[in-house]
Amino acid sequence: MVDEKQKNKNDILNANNEPILVGIQTCLEMVFPDRETRPSFRTFADWKQRRYFPSVKIGKRVFLEPAKVRAALERRFEIQAVDVR
């Protein structure tokens, strides 16, 4: 059942171009599907606090759009290859 749940989360991330809002833990699991290599919840929450990626706050709840989070993290942390000639 865990694999089914993970498959559904990945389908949501890739299925539509429509924005979807999810909680912090769910977004962490969607953006980093491999449990062994994903950052900790504390690190992910720290990145949110430092505004590494956009978030939506409604009342006391915080929501993230996984596609935007991934794009923001790629812009911030991607290391470009150097062309060696």
N, C-alpha and C. Protein backbone atom coordinates (compact mmCIF):
# COMPACT_ATOMS: atom_id res chain seq x y z
N MET A 1 0.82 -1.20 0.00
CA MET A 1 0.00 0.00 0.00
C MET A 1 0.86 1.27 0.00
N VAL A 2 2.04 1.21 0.62
CA VAL A 2 2.93 2.37 0.64
C VAL A 2 3.36 2.72 -0.78
N ASP A 3 3.68 1.69 -1.59
CA ASP A 3 4.08 1.95 -2.98
C ASP A 3 2.93 2.59 -3.75
N GLU A 4 1.70 2.14 -3.51
CA GLU A 4 0.52 2.71 -4.17
C GLU A 4 0.37 4.19 -3.80
N LYS A 5 0.55 4.50 -2.52
CA LYS A 5 0.43 5.89 -2.05
C LYS A 5 1.51 6.75 -2.70
N GLN A 6 2.75 6.24 -2.75
CA GLN A 6 3.84 6.98 -3.36
C GLN A 6 3.59 7.18 -4.85
N LYS A 7 3.08 6.16 -5.53
CA LYS A 7 2.76 6.27 -6.95
C LYS A 7 1.73 7.36 -7.19
N ASN A 8 0.70 7.41 -6.35
CA ASN A 8 -0.33 8.44 -6.49
C ASN A 8 0.24 9.83 -6.30
N LYS A 9 1.16 9.99 -5.35
CA LYS A 9 1.77 11.30 -5.12
C LYS A 9 2.58 11.72 -6.34
N ASN A 10 3.34 10.81 -6.93
CA ASN A 10 4.12 11.14 -8.12
C ASN A 10 3.23 11.44 -9.30
N ASP A 11 2.10 10.73 -9.43
CA ASP A 11 1.16 11.00 -10.50
C ASP A 11 0.59 12.41 -10.37
N ILE A 12 0.28 12.82 -9.16
CA ILE A 12 -0.27 14.16 -8.93
C ILE A 12 0.76 15.21 -9.35
N LEU A 13 2.02 14.96 -9.04
CA LEU A 13 3.06 15.91 -9.38
C LEU A 13 3.22 16.06 -10.89
N ASN A 14 3.06 14.97 -11.63
CA ASN A 14 3.31 15.00 -13.06
C ASN A 14 2.05 15.01 -13.91
N ALA A 15 0.90 14.76 -13.34
CA ALA A 15 -0.32 14.53 -14.11
C ALA A 15 -0.81 15.76 -14.87
N ASN A 16 -1.01 16.85 -14.19
CA ASN A 16 -1.62 18.04 -14.80
C ASN A 16 -0.69 19.23 -14.68
N ASN A 17 -0.99 20.24 -15.44
CA ASN A 17 -0.29 21.50 -15.28
C ASN A 17 -1.01 22.39 -14.28
N GLU A 18 -2.11 21.90 -13.75
CA GLU A 18 -2.86 22.66 -12.76
C GLU A 18 -2.07 22.73 -11.46
N PRO A 19 -2.08 23.89 -10.82
CA PRO A 19 -1.40 23.97 -9.53
C PRO A 19 -2.13 23.14 -8.47
N ILE A 20 -1.36 22.46 -7.62
CA ILE A 20 -1.95 21.72 -6.53
C ILE A 20 -1.23 22.12 -5.25
N LEU A 21 -1.96 22.33 -4.21
CA LEU A 21 -1.40 22.73 -2.93
C LEU A 21 -1.45 21.55 -1.97
N VAL A 22 -0.32 21.30 -1.31
CA VAL A 22 -0.24 20.21 -0.34
C VAL A 22 0.50 20.72 0.90
N GLY A 23 0.43 19.96 1.96
CA GLY A 23 1.14 20.30 3.19
C GLY A 23 2.64 20.11 3.04
N ILE A 24 3.38 20.55 4.04
CA ILE A 24 4.84 20.52 3.99
C ILE A 24 5.36 19.08 3.89
N GLN A 25 4.88 18.19 4.75
CA GLN A 25 5.36 16.80 4.74
C GLN A 25 5.06 16.12 3.41
N THR A 26 3.85 16.32 2.91
CA THR A 26 3.48 15.71 1.63
C THR A 26 4.34 16.25 0.50
N CYS A 27 4.60 17.54 0.50
CA CYS A 27 5.44 18.14 -0.53
C CYS A 27 6.86 17.58 -0.46
N LEU A 28 7.38 17.44 0.73
CA LEU A 28 8.71 16.87 0.92
C LEU A 28 8.77 15.47 0.31
N GLU A 29 7.74 14.67 0.55
CA GLU A 29 7.69 13.31 0.01
C GLU A 29 7.52 13.30 -1.50
N MET A 30 6.82 14.28 -2.05
CA MET A 30 6.60 14.34 -3.49
C MET A 30 7.85 14.82 -4.23
N VAL A 31 8.52 15.82 -3.69
CA VAL A 31 9.69 16.38 -4.35
C VAL A 31 10.89 15.45 -4.21
N PHE A 32 10.99 14.76 -3.08
CA PHE A 32 12.09 13.82 -2.82
C PHE A 32 11.49 12.44 -2.54
N PRO A 33 11.13 11.68 -3.57
CA PRO A 33 10.45 10.41 -3.36
C PRO A 33 11.29 9.33 -2.68
N ASP A 34 12.62 9.38 -2.82
CA ASP A 34 13.47 8.37 -2.21
C ASP A 34 13.67 8.69 -0.73
N ARG A 35 13.14 7.86 0.11
CA ARG A 35 13.17 8.09 1.55
C ARG A 35 14.60 8.14 2.11
N GLU A 36 15.48 7.38 1.51
CA GLU A 36 16.86 7.29 2.01
C GLU A 36 17.67 8.57 1.75
N THR A 37 17.37 9.28 0.68
CA THR A 37 18.20 10.43 0.31
C THR A 37 17.51 11.78 0.50
N ARG A 38 16.25 11.79 0.93
CA ARG A 38 15.56 13.07 1.08
C ARG A 38 16.09 13.81 2.30
N PRO A 39 16.06 15.15 2.26
CA PRO A 39 16.47 15.91 3.43
C PRO A 39 15.46 15.71 4.56
N SER A 40 15.88 16.05 5.76
CA SER A 40 14.98 15.89 6.90
C SER A 40 13.86 16.93 6.84
N PHE A 41 12.79 16.67 7.57
CA PHE A 41 11.68 17.61 7.65
C PHE A 41 12.19 18.95 8.20
N ARG A 42 13.07 18.87 9.18
CA ARG A 42 13.61 20.10 9.79
C ARG A 42 14.37 20.94 8.75
N THR A 43 15.18 20.29 7.94
CA THR A 43 15.92 21.01 6.89
C THR A 43 14.96 21.63 5.89
N PHE A 44 13.96 20.85 5.46
CA PHE A 44 12.98 21.34 4.49
C PHE A 44 12.22 22.54 5.06
N ALA A 45 11.82 22.46 6.33
CA ALA A 45 11.12 23.57 6.98
C ALA A 45 12.03 24.80 7.10
N ASP A 46 13.32 24.56 7.33
CA ASP A 46 14.28 25.66 7.40
C ASP A 46 14.40 26.35 6.04
N TRP A 47 14.42 25.56 4.97
CA TRP A 47 14.47 26.15 3.63
C TRP A 47 13.23 26.99 3.37
N LYS A 48 12.07 26.52 3.84
CA LYS A 48 10.83 27.28 3.69
C LYS A 48 10.94 28.60 4.43
N GLN A 49 11.45 28.53 5.66
CA GLN A 49 11.60 29.74 6.48
C GLN A 49 12.57 30.73 5.84
N ARG A 50 13.59 30.24 5.17
CA ARG A 50 14.57 31.10 4.50
C ARG A 50 14.07 31.55 3.12
N ARG A 51 12.86 31.14 2.77
CA ARG A 51 12.20 31.51 1.52
C ARG A 51 12.96 31.04 0.28
N TYR A 52 13.47 29.81 0.37
CA TYR A 52 14.11 29.20 -0.80
C TYR A 52 13.08 28.86 -1.86
N PHE A 53 11.82 28.68 -1.44
CA PHE A 53 10.74 28.36 -2.36
C PHE A 53 9.46 29.02 -1.87
N PRO A 54 8.50 29.27 -2.77
CA PRO A 54 7.27 29.96 -2.39
C PRO A 54 6.34 29.06 -1.58
N SER A 55 5.55 29.70 -0.73
CA SER A 55 4.54 28.99 0.06
C SER A 55 3.29 29.84 0.16
N VAL A 56 2.19 29.19 0.51
CA VAL A 56 0.91 29.88 0.67
C VAL A 56 0.46 29.63 2.10
N LYS A 57 0.17 30.70 2.82
CA LYS A 57 -0.29 30.57 4.19
C LYS A 57 -1.75 30.98 4.27
N ILE A 58 -2.58 30.06 4.73
CA ILE A 58 -4.01 30.32 4.91
C ILE A 58 -4.31 30.07 6.37
N GLY A 59 -4.53 31.14 7.09
CA GLY A 59 -4.71 31.01 8.54
C GLY A 59 -3.40 30.56 9.15
N LYS A 60 -3.44 29.45 9.88
CA LYS A 60 -2.23 28.90 10.48
C LYS A 60 -1.60 27.81 9.62
N ARG A 61 -2.28 27.41 8.56
CA ARG A 61 -1.81 26.32 7.71
C ARG A 61 -0.90 26.85 6.61
N VAL A 62 0.11 26.07 6.27
CA VAL A 62 1.04 26.43 5.20
C VAL A 62 0.94 25.37 4.11
N PHE A 63 0.81 25.82 2.87
CA PHE A 63 0.69 24.92 1.73
C PHE A 63 1.79 25.23 0.73
N LEU A 64 2.20 24.19 0.00
CA LEU A 64 3.25 24.32 -1.01
C LEU A 64 2.76 23.72 -2.31
N GLU A 65 3.27 24.25 -3.41
CA GLU A 65 2.99 23.68 -4.72
C GLU A 65 4.24 22.92 -5.15
N PRO A 66 4.19 21.58 -5.17
CA PRO A 66 5.39 20.77 -5.42
C PRO A 66 6.17 21.15 -6.67
N ALA A 67 5.49 21.47 -7.75
CA ALA A 67 6.19 21.83 -8.99
C ALA A 67 7.00 23.11 -8.81
N LYS A 68 6.44 24.09 -8.13
CA LYS A 68 7.15 25.34 -7.88
C LYS A 68 8.31 25.14 -6.91
N VAL A 69 8.10 24.28 -5.91
CA VAL A 69 9.17 24.00 -4.95
C VAL A 69 10.35 23.36 -5.67
N ARG A 70 10.07 22.36 -6.49
CA ARG A 70 11.15 21.69 -7.22
C ARG A 70 11.88 22.67 -8.13
N ALA A 71 11.14 23.50 -8.86
CA ALA A 71 11.77 24.48 -9.76
C ALA A 71 12.64 25.46 -8.98
N ALA A 72 12.15 25.92 -7.85
CA ALA A 72 12.92 26.88 -7.04
C ALA A 72 14.19 26.23 -6.49
N LEU A 73 14.08 24.99 -6.04
CA LEU A 73 15.26 24.29 -5.52
C LEU A 73 16.28 24.03 -6.62
N GLU A 74 15.80 23.71 -7.81
CA GLU A 74 16.72 23.50 -8.93
C GLU A 74 17.45 24.80 -9.28
N ARG A 75 16.73 25.91 -9.31
CA ARG A 75 17.37 27.21 -9.60
C ARG A 75 18.42 27.53 -8.54
N ARG A 76 18.11 27.25 -7.31
CA ARG A 76 18.99 27.63 -6.20
C ARG A 76 20.20 26.71 -6.05
N PHE A 77 20.02 25.41 -6.24
CA PHE A 77 21.06 24.45 -5.90
C PHE A 77 21.72 23.76 -7.10
N GLU A 78 21.20 23.93 -8.30
CA GLU A 78 21.77 23.25 -9.45
C GLU A 78 23.16 23.81 -9.76
N ILE A 79 24.09 22.90 -9.98
CA ILE A 79 25.46 23.29 -10.34
C ILE A 79 25.62 23.01 -11.82
N GLN A 80 25.97 24.05 -12.56
CA GLN A 80 26.11 23.93 -14.01
C GLN A 80 27.41 23.22 -14.36
N ALA A 81 27.35 22.40 -15.38
CA ALA A 81 28.54 21.70 -15.86
C ALA A 81 29.47 22.70 -16.56
N VAL A 82 30.74 22.43 -16.47
CA VAL A 82 31.74 23.27 -17.12
C VAL A 82 32.20 22.55 -18.38
N ASP A 83 32.20 23.28 -19.47
CA ASP A 83 32.65 22.71 -20.73
C ASP A 83 34.18 22.69 -20.75
N VAL A 84 34.75 21.50 -20.74
CA VAL A 84 36.21 21.36 -20.73
C VAL A 84 36.67 21.03 -22.15
N ARG A 85 37.55 21.84 -22.65
CA ARG A 85 38.06 21.62 -24.03
C ARG A 85 39.52 21.43 -24.02
